[in-house]
Amino acid sequence: MSRTFIGILIVVGLVCAGLAVSLIPIGDFGLRAGLAKNRHRSDIADAPPQRLVSMAPNITETIFALGQGDRLVGVTNFCVFPSEAMRLPKVGGFYNPNLERLVALRPDLIALQGRHKKVTAFCRARNTAVLHVDMDSLSTIYDGITKLGDALGASERAEQLCTQIRSGLRQVRRHTKRM
């Protein structure tokens, strides 16, 4: 198998459950592209967040796939791919987030898998935006990647990634159809 084909399969597998992205505005923080409109403020941030913390391996991998890995300032203890993620500061995991570490990293945005009351309340108290990503089906991948790309100012790359995944899935279907 070619490296490209394997790479596409890895990306599909990593985000295969889908990216149903919803952004919760916290305090006075807002993101462009209309993903989070803070009804208490009319001036939405012009620039995408620059300091991201990912609270799940699949989110970390997707951020890197969008070419935005250089914005990550923290990841979970379980983020091991790509290898660059292993060099980033660790913030615990879903069940044991290190809130003190989160404060020290000063993120603009924390991306969470699903809902997490403790981290969401923590972020609300500190005016930090939270991006909730629910990975639960293949059908939500494309919309989720697009929304995540929009939130990070990487909509063109998100479109390219969606195209690559669609192409990879067509290849897999062609190859497995003969089986």
Foldseek 3Di string as FASTA:
>chain_A
DDPLLVVLVVLCVLLALAWPKAKEFADPAAFPPPRYDDPVDDDHDPAFWQEEEEQDQSVQQLCVLLVNNNSYQEYAPPNPPPVVNVPHHHQHHLVDGNLVVVVVSPGQEYEYEADRVVVVVSCNVVRHMYMYTHRHHNVRHLVRLCVVCRNNVRNVSSVVSVVSNVVSVVVVCVVVVVD
